[in-house]
C-alpha atoms as a PDB file:
ATOM      1  CA  UNK A   1     -31.915  84.424  55.655  1.00  0.00           C
ATOM      2  CA  UNK A   2     -30.012  81.140  55.214  1.00  0.00           C
ATOM      3  CA  UNK A   3     -27.971  80.875  51.758  1.00  0.00           C
ATOM      4  CA  UNK A   4     -29.567  77.873  49.573  1.00  0.00           C
ATOM      5  CA  UNK A   5     -27.225  74.996  49.335  1.00  0.00           C
ATOM      6  CA  UNK A   6     -26.900  73.113  45.995  1.00  0.00           C
ATOM      7  CA  UNK A   7     -26.724  69.871  46.713  1.00  0.00           C
ATOM      8  CA  UNK A   8     -23.500  68.418  44.382  1.00  0.00           C
ATOM      9  CA  UNK A   9     -24.259  64.831  43.464  1.00  0.00           C
ATOM     10  CA  UNK A  10     -21.656  62.231  41.760  1.00  0.00           C
ATOM     11  CA  UNK A  11     -22.935  60.547  38.444  1.00  0.00           C
ATOM     12  CA  UNK A  12     -20.727  58.367  36.754  1.00  0.00           C
ATOM     13  CA  UNK A  13     -22.834  55.884  35.185  1.00  0.00           C
ATOM     14  CA  UNK A  14     -22.101  57.695  31.487  1.00  0.00           C
ATOM     15  CA  UNK A  15     -18.550  57.033  31.726  1.00  0.00           C
ATOM     16  CA  UNK A  16     -18.986  53.269  32.946  1.00  0.00           C
ATOM     17  CA  UNK A  17     -21.115  53.538  30.088  1.00  0.00           C
ATOM     18  CA  UNK A  18     -18.292  54.654  27.440  1.00  0.00           C
ATOM     19  CA  UNK A  19     -16.015  51.904  28.834  1.00  0.00           C
ATOM     20  CA  UNK A  20     -18.464  49.328  28.233  1.00  0.00           C
ATOM     21  CA  UNK A  21     -18.953  50.808  24.641  1.00  0.00           C
ATOM     22  CA  UNK A  22     -15.613  50.422  23.924  1.00  0.00           C
ATOM     23  CA  UNK A  23     -15.029  47.141  25.255  1.00  0.00           C
ATOM     24  CA  UNK A  24     -17.926  45.930  23.145  1.00  0.00           C
ATOM     25  CA  UNK A  25     -16.358  47.900  20.200  1.00  0.00           C
ATOM     26  CA  UNK A  26     -13.071  46.157  20.762  1.00  0.00           C
ATOM     27  CA  UNK A  27     -14.707  42.957  20.897  1.00  0.00           C
ATOM     28  CA  UNK A  28     -16.405  43.187  17.672  1.00  0.00           C
ATOM     29  CA  UNK A  29     -13.117  44.046  15.692  1.00  0.00           C
ATOM     30  CA  UNK A  30     -11.533  41.232  17.783  1.00  0.00           C
ATOM     31  CA  UNK A  31     -14.322  38.808  16.673  1.00  0.00           C
ATOM     32  CA  UNK A  32     -14.100  40.049  12.681  1.00  0.00           C
ATOM     33  CA  UNK A  33     -10.458  39.803  12.355  1.00  0.00           C
ATOM     34  CA  UNK A  34     -10.851  35.999  13.527  1.00  0.00           C
ATOM     35  CA  UNK A  35     -13.195  35.433  11.701  1.00  0.00           C
ATOM     36  CA  UNK A  36     -11.698  36.614   8.732  1.00  0.00           C
ATOM     37  CA  UNK A  37      -8.519  34.686   9.766  1.00  0.00           C
ATOM     38  CA  UNK A  38     -10.647  31.627   9.881  1.00  0.00           C
ATOM     39  CA  UNK A  39     -12.628  31.945   6.399  1.00  0.00           C
ATOM     40  CA  UNK A  40      -9.364  32.229   4.907  1.00  0.00           C
ATOM     41  CA  UNK A  41      -8.009  28.902   6.651  1.00  0.00           C
ATOM     42  CA  UNK A  42     -10.981  27.268   5.797  1.00  0.00           C
ATOM     43  CA  UNK A  43     -10.490  28.386   2.255  1.00  0.00           C
ATOM     44  CA  UNK A  44      -7.112  26.931   1.790  1.00  0.00           C
ATOM     45  CA  UNK A  45      -7.970  23.749   3.783  1.00  0.00           C
ATOM     46  CA  UNK A  46     -10.386  23.098   1.008  1.00  0.00           C
ATOM     47  CA  UNK A  47      -8.390  23.973  -1.678  1.00  0.00           C
ATOM     48  CA  UNK A  48      -5.663  21.258  -0.149  1.00  0.00           C
ATOM     49  CA  UNK A  49      -8.300  18.807   0.483  1.00  0.00           C
ATOM     50  CA  UNK A  50      -9.810  19.237  -2.860  1.00  0.00           C
ATOM     51  CA  UNK A  51      -6.316  18.549  -4.664  1.00  0.00           C
ATOM     52  CA  UNK A  52      -5.365  15.833  -2.234  1.00  0.00           C
ATOM     53  CA  UNK A  53      -8.763  13.951  -2.857  1.00  0.00           C
ATOM     54  CA  UNK A  54      -8.028  14.551  -6.652  1.00  0.00           C
ATOM     55  CA  UNK A  55      -4.661  13.438  -6.243  1.00  0.00           C
ATOM     56  CA  UNK A  56      -5.987  10.098  -4.548  1.00  0.00           C
ATOM     57  CA  UNK A  57      -8.436   9.517  -6.489  1.00  0.00           C
ATOM     58  CA  UNK A  58      -5.979   9.175  -9.695  1.00  0.00           C
ATOM     59  CA  UNK A  59      -3.225   7.176  -7.560  1.00  0.00           C
ATOM     60  CA  UNK A  60      -5.931   4.489  -7.077  1.00  0.00           C
ATOM     61  CA  UNK A  61      -7.904   4.531 -10.318  1.00  0.00           C
ATOM     62  CA  UNK A  62      -4.944   5.389 -12.642  1.00  0.00           C
ATOM     63  CA  UNK A  63      -2.809   2.866 -13.883  1.00  0.00           C
ATOM     64  CA  UNK A  64      -1.875   0.446 -16.682  1.00  0.00           C
ATOM     65  CA  UNK A  65      -2.731  -2.936 -17.132  1.00  0.00           C
ATOM     66  CA  UNK A  66      -0.262  -5.430 -18.928  1.00  0.00           C
ATOM     67  CA  UNK A  67      -2.060  -7.756 -21.372  1.00  0.00           C
ATOM     68  CA  UNK A  68       0.591  -9.772 -22.459  1.00  0.00           C
ATOM     69  CA  UNK A  69       4.691  -9.932 -22.815  1.00  0.00           C
ATOM     70  CA  UNK A  70       6.364 -11.680 -26.072  1.00  0.00           C
ATOM     71  CA  UNK A  71       9.740 -11.925 -26.234  1.00  0.00           C
ATOM     72  CA  UNK A  72      11.396 -11.948 -29.712  1.00  0.00           C
ATOM     73  CA  UNK A  73      15.081 -13.834 -30.541  1.00  0.00           C
ATOM     74  CA  UNK A  74      17.272 -11.765 -32.922  1.00  0.00           C
ATOM     75  CA  UNK A  75      17.956 -14.282 -36.503  1.00  0.00           C
ATOM     76  CA  UNK A  76      19.933 -14.453 -39.558  1.00  0.00           C
ATOM     77  CA  UNK A  77      17.216 -17.143 -41.065  1.00  0.00           C
ATOM     78  CA  UNK A  78      14.214 -18.952 -39.212  1.00  0.00           C
ATOM     79  CA  UNK A  79      17.193 -22.202 -38.062  1.00  0.00           C
ATOM     80  CA  UNK A  80      18.053 -22.443 -34.407  1.00  0.00           C
ATOM     81  CA  UNK A  81      21.473 -22.556 -35.284  1.00  0.00           C
ATOM     82  CA  UNK A  82      20.856 -18.953 -36.785  1.00  0.00           C
ATOM     83  CA  UNK A  83      19.107 -17.590 -33.523  1.00  0.00           C
ATOM     84  CA  UNK A  84      20.294 -15.590 -30.662  1.00  0.00           C
ATOM     85  CA  UNK A  85      21.052 -17.135 -27.207  1.00  0.00           C
ATOM     86  CA  UNK A  86      18.704 -14.239 -25.653  1.00  0.00           C
ATOM     87  CA  UNK A  87      15.372 -12.532 -25.409  1.00  0.00           C
ATOM     88  CA  UNK A  88      16.395  -9.315 -28.028  1.00  0.00           C
ATOM     89  CA  UNK A  89      13.439  -7.689 -27.491  1.00  0.00           C
ATOM     90  CA  UNK A  90      10.121  -7.393 -25.733  1.00  0.00           C
ATOM     91  CA  UNK A  91       6.887  -6.394 -26.707  1.00  0.00           C
ATOM     92  CA  UNK A  92       5.245  -5.579 -24.098  1.00  0.00           C
ATOM     93  CA  UNK A  93       0.764  -4.865 -24.685  1.00  0.00           C
ATOM     94  CA  UNK A  94      -0.773  -2.698 -22.375  1.00  0.00           C
ATOM     95  CA  UNK A  95      -4.640  -1.321 -21.606  1.00  0.00           C
ATOM     96  CA  UNK A  96      -6.206   1.401 -18.908  1.00  0.00           C
ATOM     97  CA  UNK A  97      -7.641  -0.351 -16.616  1.00  0.00           C
ATOM     98  CA  UNK A  98     -11.433  -0.275 -15.489  1.00  0.00           C
ATOM     99  CA  UNK A  99     -12.098   3.197 -14.336  1.00  0.00           C
ATOM    100  CA  UNK A 100      -8.716   4.622 -15.061  1.00  0.00           C
ATOM    101  CA  UNK A 101      -8.030   8.484 -16.496  1.00  0.00           C
ATOM    102  CA  UNK A 102      -5.765   8.892 -19.603  1.00  0.00           C
ATOM    103  CA  UNK A 103      -2.355   8.375 -19.303  1.00  0.00           C
ATOM    104  CA  UNK A 104       0.294  10.201 -20.826  1.00  0.00           C
ATOM    105  CA  UNK A 105       3.045   7.177 -21.898  1.00  0.00           C
ATOM    106  CA  UNK A 106       5.335  10.420 -23.298  1.00  0.00           C
ATOM    107  CA  UNK A 107       5.945  10.772 -18.726  1.00  0.00           C
ATOM    108  CA  UNK A 108       6.058   7.598 -18.298  1.00  0.00           C
ATOM    109  CA  UNK A 109       9.087   5.695 -16.678  1.00  0.00           C
ATOM    110  CA  UNK A 110       9.902   1.873 -17.431  1.00  0.00           C
ATOM    111  CA  UNK A 111      12.541   0.000 -15.197  1.00  0.00           C
ATOM    112  CA  UNK A 112      13.735  -3.639 -16.438  1.00  0.00           C
ATOM    113  CA  UNK A 113      16.085  -5.663 -14.776  1.00  0.00           C
ATOM    114  CA  UNK A 114      17.403  -8.866 -15.415  1.00  0.00           C
ATOM    115  CA  UNK A 115      19.037  -9.569 -12.107  1.00  0.00           C
ATOM    116  CA  UNK A 116      22.642  -7.886 -12.876  1.00  0.00           C
ATOM    117  CA  UNK A 117      21.205  -4.942 -14.951  1.00  0.00           C
ATOM    118  CA  UNK A 118      18.633  -1.874 -14.816  1.00  0.00           C
ATOM    119  CA  UNK A 119      17.903  -0.194 -17.416  1.00  0.00           C
ATOM    120  CA  UNK A 120      15.388   3.606 -16.483  1.00  0.00           C
ATOM    121  CA  UNK A 121      13.550   3.339 -20.006  1.00  0.00           C
ATOM    122  CA  UNK A 122      11.412   6.931 -21.222  1.00  0.00           C
ATOM    123  CA  UNK A 123       9.691   7.591 -24.680  1.00  0.00           C
ATOM    124  CA  UNK A 124      11.899   8.216 -27.034  1.00  0.00           C
ATOM    125  CA  UNK A 125      10.050  11.311 -27.700  1.00  0.00           C
ATOM    126  CA  UNK A 126      11.016  12.522 -24.135  1.00  0.00           C
ATOM    127  CA  UNK A 127      13.050  15.306 -24.244  1.00  0.00           C
ATOM    128  CA  UNK A 128      13.557  16.032 -20.783  1.00  0.00           C
ATOM    129  CA  UNK A 129      15.058  13.339 -18.873  1.00  0.00           C
ATOM    130  CA  UNK A 130      18.340  12.837 -20.984  1.00  0.00           C
ATOM    131  CA  UNK A 131      18.404  16.038 -22.588  1.00  0.00           C
ATOM    132  CA  UNK A 132      17.234  15.176 -25.644  1.00  0.00           C
ATOM    133  CA  UNK A 133      14.693  12.711 -27.593  1.00  0.00           C
ATOM    134  CA  UNK A 134      15.952  10.038 -28.867  1.00  0.00           C
ATOM    135  CA  UNK A 135      18.695  10.673 -31.646  1.00  0.00           C
ATOM    136  CA  UNK A 136      16.398   9.417 -34.881  1.00  0.00           C
ATOM    137  CA  UNK A 137      13.093   9.480 -33.947  1.00  0.00           C
ATOM    138  CA  UNK A 138      10.601  10.342 -36.099  1.00  0.00           C
ATOM    139  CA  UNK A 139       7.101  11.415 -35.199  1.00  0.00           C
ATOM    140  CA  UNK A 140       5.998  10.979 -38.535  1.00  0.00           C
ATOM    141  CA  UNK A 141       7.543   7.673 -39.419  1.00  0.00           C
ATOM    142  CA  UNK A 142       5.997   3.730 -38.646  1.00  0.00           C
ATOM    143  CA  UNK A 143       6.186   2.506 -35.565  1.00  0.00           C
ATOM    144  CA  UNK A 144       8.703  -0.567 -37.330  1.00  0.00           C
ATOM    145  CA  UNK A 145      11.613   2.075 -38.142  1.00  0.00           C
ATOM    146  CA  UNK A 146      11.819   3.615 -34.775  1.00  0.00           C
ATOM    147  CA  UNK A 147      11.867   0.007 -33.510  1.00  0.00           C
ATOM    148  CA  UNK A 148      14.753  -0.223 -35.644  1.00  0.00           C
ATOM    149  CA  UNK A 149      16.625   3.077 -34.505  1.00  0.00           C
ATOM    150  CA  UNK A 150      15.898   1.961 -30.710  1.00  0.00           C
ATOM    151  CA  UNK A 151      17.751  -1.222 -31.193  1.00  0.00           C
ATOM    152  CA  UNK A 152      20.728   0.275 -33.649  1.00  0.00           C
ATOM    153  CA  UNK A 153      21.196   3.754 -32.197  1.00  0.00           C
ATOM    154  CA  UNK A 154      24.109   4.593 -29.682  1.00  0.00           C
ATOM    155  CA  UNK A 155      23.242   4.979 -26.455  1.00  0.00           C
ATOM    156  CA  UNK A 156      19.668   4.460 -27.019  1.00  0.00           C
ATOM    157  CA  UNK A 157      18.498   0.883 -26.253  1.00  0.00           C
ATOM    158  CA  UNK A 158      19.181   1.623 -22.282  1.00  0.00           C
ATOM    159  CA  UNK A 159      17.318   4.824 -22.203  1.00  0.00           C
ATOM    160  CA  UNK A 160      14.422   4.582 -24.465  1.00  0.00           C
ATOM    161  CA  UNK A 161      11.583   2.736 -25.627  1.00  0.00           C
ATOM    162  CA  UNK A 162       9.166   3.009 -28.522  1.00  0.00           C
ATOM    163  CA  UNK A 163       5.411   2.462 -29.588  1.00  0.00           C
ATOM    164  CA  UNK A 164       3.105   0.817 -31.424  1.00  0.00           C
ATOM    165  CA  UNK A 165      -0.514   1.996 -32.000  1.00  0.00           C
ATOM    166  CA  UNK A 166      -2.475  -1.411 -31.574  1.00  0.00           C
ATOM    167  CA  UNK A 167      -6.212  -0.010 -31.711  1.00  0.00           C
ATOM    168  CA  UNK A 168      -7.507   3.854 -31.125  1.00  0.00           C
ATOM    169  CA  UNK A 169     -10.644   4.659 -31.559  1.00  0.00           C
ATOM    170  CA  UNK A 170     -11.022   8.233 -30.845  1.00  0.00           C
ATOM    171  CA  UNK A 171      -7.465   9.117 -32.558  1.00  0.00           C
ATOM    172  CA  UNK A 172      -5.804  10.021 -28.907  1.00  0.00           C
ATOM    173  CA  UNK A 173      -2.891   8.678 -29.981  1.00  0.00           C
ATOM    174  CA  UNK A 174       0.063   9.957 -32.062  1.00  0.00           C
ATOM    175  CA  UNK A 175       3.789   8.914 -31.946  1.00  0.00           C
ATOM    176  CA  UNK A 176       4.214  12.546 -31.172  1.00  0.00           C
ATOM    177  CA  UNK A 177       1.555  13.001 -27.964  1.00  0.00           C
ATOM    178  CA  UNK A 178       1.142   9.100 -26.767  1.00  0.00           C
ATOM    179  CA  UNK A 179      -1.852   9.244 -24.709  1.00  0.00           C
ATOM    180  CA  UNK A 180      -4.227   6.400 -23.749  1.00  0.00           C
ATOM    181  CA  UNK A 181      -7.595   6.622 -22.867  1.00  0.00           C
ATOM    182  CA  UNK A 182     -10.586   3.932 -22.021  1.00  0.00           C
ATOM    183  CA  UNK A 183     -10.098   1.371 -24.643  1.00  0.00           C
ATOM    184  CA  UNK A 184      -6.852   2.079 -26.432  1.00  0.00           C
ATOM    185  CA  UNK A 185      -4.641  -0.899 -27.075  1.00  0.00           C
ATOM    186  CA  UNK A 186      -0.426  -0.039 -26.922  1.00  0.00           C
ATOM    187  CA  UNK A 187       2.352  -2.514 -27.936  1.00  0.00           C
ATOM    188  CA  UNK A 188       5.772  -1.208 -25.970  1.00  0.00           C
ATOM    189  CA  UNK A 189       8.953  -2.077 -27.592  1.00  0.00           C
ATOM    190  CA  UNK A 190      11.896  -2.424 -25.061  1.00  0.00           C
ATOM    191  CA  UNK A 191      15.319  -3.202 -26.866  1.00  0.00           C
ATOM    192  CA  UNK A 192      17.104  -6.443 -24.567  1.00  0.00           C
ATOM    193  CA  UNK A 193      19.555  -7.012 -27.193  1.00  0.00           C
ATOM    194  CA  UNK A 194      22.399  -8.723 -25.657  1.00  0.00           C
ATOM    195  CA  UNK A 195      26.291  -8.301 -25.787  1.00  0.00           C
ATOM    196  CA  UNK A 196      26.392 -11.528 -27.734  1.00  0.00           C
ATOM    197  CA  UNK A 197      23.129 -10.854 -30.392  1.00  0.00           C
ATOM    198  CA  UNK A 198      24.618  -7.857 -31.874  1.00  0.00           C
ATOM    199  CA  UNK A 199      26.041 -10.027 -34.730  1.00  0.00           C
ATOM    200  CA  UNK A 200      22.367 -10.798 -36.409  1.00  0.00           C
ATOM    201  CA  UNK A 201      20.994  -9.381 -38.527  1.00  0.00           C
ATOM    202  CA  UNK A 202      16.992  -9.515 -38.065  1.00  0.00           C
ATOM    203  CA  UNK A 203      14.924  -8.221 -35.368  1.00  0.00           C
ATOM    204  CA  UNK A 204      11.116  -9.023 -35.328  1.00  0.00           C
ATOM    205  CA  UNK A 205      11.245  -9.325 -39.336  1.00  0.00           C
ATOM    206  CA  UNK A 206      12.898  -6.526 -39.597  1.00  0.00           C
ATOM    207  CA  UNK A 207      16.396  -5.799 -40.837  1.00  0.00           C
ATOM    208  CA  UNK A 208      18.313  -4.506 -37.844  1.00  0.00           C
ATOM    209  CA  UNK A 209      21.529  -4.965 -36.318  1.00  0.00           C
ATOM    210  CA  UNK A 210      20.926  -4.386 -32.750  1.00  0.00           C
ATOM    211  CA  UNK A 211      23.643  -3.059 -30.490  1.00  0.00           C
ATOM    212  CA  UNK A 212      24.484  -3.989 -26.668  1.00  0.00           C
ATOM    213  CA  UNK A 213      21.299  -2.846 -24.278  1.00  0.00           C
ATOM    214  CA  UNK A 214      23.465  -3.898 -21.199  1.00  0.00           C
ATOM    215  CA  UNK A 215      20.834  -6.866 -20.227  1.00  0.00           C
ATOM    216  CA  UNK A 216      21.298 -10.531 -21.355  1.00  0.00           C
ATOM    217  CA  UNK A 217      18.312 -12.291 -21.145  1.00  0.00           C
ATOM    218  CA  UNK A 218      19.121 -15.955 -21.746  1.00  0.00           C
ATOM    219  CA  UNK A 219      16.984 -19.040 -20.572  1.00  0.00           C
ATOM    220  CA  UNK A 220      16.193 -19.164 -16.641  1.00  0.00           C
ATOM    221  CA  UNK A 221      16.730 -15.167 -16.517  1.00  0.00           C
ATOM    222  CA  UNK A 222      14.537 -13.702 -13.922  1.00  0.00           C
ATOM    223  CA  UNK A 223      13.497 -10.349 -15.431  1.00  0.00           C
ATOM    224  CA  UNK A 224      11.241  -7.767 -13.612  1.00  0.00           C
ATOM    225  CA  UNK A 225       9.494  -4.492 -15.471  1.00  0.00           C
ATOM    226  CA  UNK A 226       8.001  -1.582 -13.730  1.00  0.00           C
ATOM    227  CA  UNK A 227       5.709   1.060 -15.489  1.00  0.00           C
ATOM    228  CA  UNK A 228       5.350   4.170 -13.521  1.00  0.00           C
ATOM    229  CA  UNK A 229       3.041   6.748 -15.133  1.00  0.00           C
ATOM    230  CA  UNK A 230       3.045  10.314 -14.286  1.00  0.00           C
ATOM    231  CA  UNK A 231       0.023   9.917 -12.140  1.00  0.00           C
ATOM    232  CA  UNK A 232      -1.391   6.411 -10.551  1.00  0.00           C
ATOM    233  CA  UNK A 233      -0.049   3.336  -9.347  1.00  0.00           C
ATOM    234  CA  UNK A 234       3.020   1.403 -10.783  1.00  0.00           C
ATOM    235  CA  UNK A 235       2.513  -1.541 -12.746  1.00  0.00           C
ATOM    236  CA  UNK A 236       4.271  -4.366 -12.182  1.00  0.00           C
ATOM    237  CA  UNK A 237       5.168  -7.711 -14.270  1.00  0.00           C
ATOM    238  CA  UNK A 238       8.008 -10.607 -13.066  1.00  0.00           C
ATOM    239  CA  UNK A 239       8.412 -13.509 -15.473  1.00  0.00           C
ATOM    240  CA  UNK A 240      11.230 -16.177 -15.526  1.00  0.00           C
ATOM    241  CA  UNK A 241      12.882 -16.565 -19.410  1.00  0.00           C
ATOM    242  CA  UNK A 242      12.022 -20.160 -20.955  1.00  0.00           C
ATOM    243  CA  UNK A 243      13.975 -22.922 -22.501  1.00  0.00           C
ATOM    244  CA  UNK A 244      14.414 -21.473 -26.066  1.00  0.00           C
ATOM    245  CA  UNK A 245      14.137 -24.409 -28.010  1.00  0.00           C
ATOM    246  CA  UNK A 246      13.619 -23.318 -32.096  1.00  0.00           C
ATOM    247  CA  UNK A 247      10.912 -20.190 -30.736  1.00  0.00           C
ATOM    248  CA  UNK A 248      11.431 -17.149 -32.495  1.00  0.00           C
ATOM    249  CA  UNK A 249       9.043 -15.596 -30.278  1.00  0.00           C
ATOM    250  CA  UNK A 250       8.223 -16.368 -26.785  1.00  0.00           C
ATOM    251  CA  UNK A 251       4.896 -15.974 -24.655  1.00  0.00           C
ATOM    252  CA  UNK A 252       6.612 -14.509 -21.611  1.00  0.00           C
ATOM    253  CA  UNK A 253       3.402 -13.429 -19.592  1.00  0.00           C
ATOM    254  CA  UNK A 254       0.995 -13.855 -18.579  1.00  0.00           C
END
């Protein structure tokens, strides 16, 4: 009698299926990690793109427009013999350009040069740039009072400028928070009192004996003014001072 012979069959298909499953799971995990990285990266890039786009828009659209610049000579009376030989106060009238966003003049920097001396000026209520606001500045005082403080104060004429509200329909502008919106019109006062004009007693129809600003705007002086806001493009105006004759107030720009 012959013994039964059991044939043993080798079947490794199950092992191959497990290996394939392991590889598939690994691929899914890798894809999930890669997708998470891509999503996070795209989110960061989107935020940066939005921020860059906003900044670029502000740089292009937000800027001041200089309407006019008036120069005023210090004097004792209205005769030419009793007037300074220099322009001792600048009244720069500014407005916002079309499409411009609001601008905080408390953060603006004005650079003025007569070709020999350069002064970098900030608003009188700015206490960051020079460590303190302009000595004697009063946010509740009139613009004329602050102008007198500007030209008479020690170490103020070459560091600060003051402002005068001309038109502000929405009441956005105050001496404490000088924020300009569309339609606003503001005068910027810049002291240019020369060393030869410190003996005169009147300036812009106000009793004021100015201290030396370091600038000297004599006839035929080449003057350049750059107004740089916190955001947006800078605004530049350059002019040459004319012959004074007997005029106390001079149209310098445009």
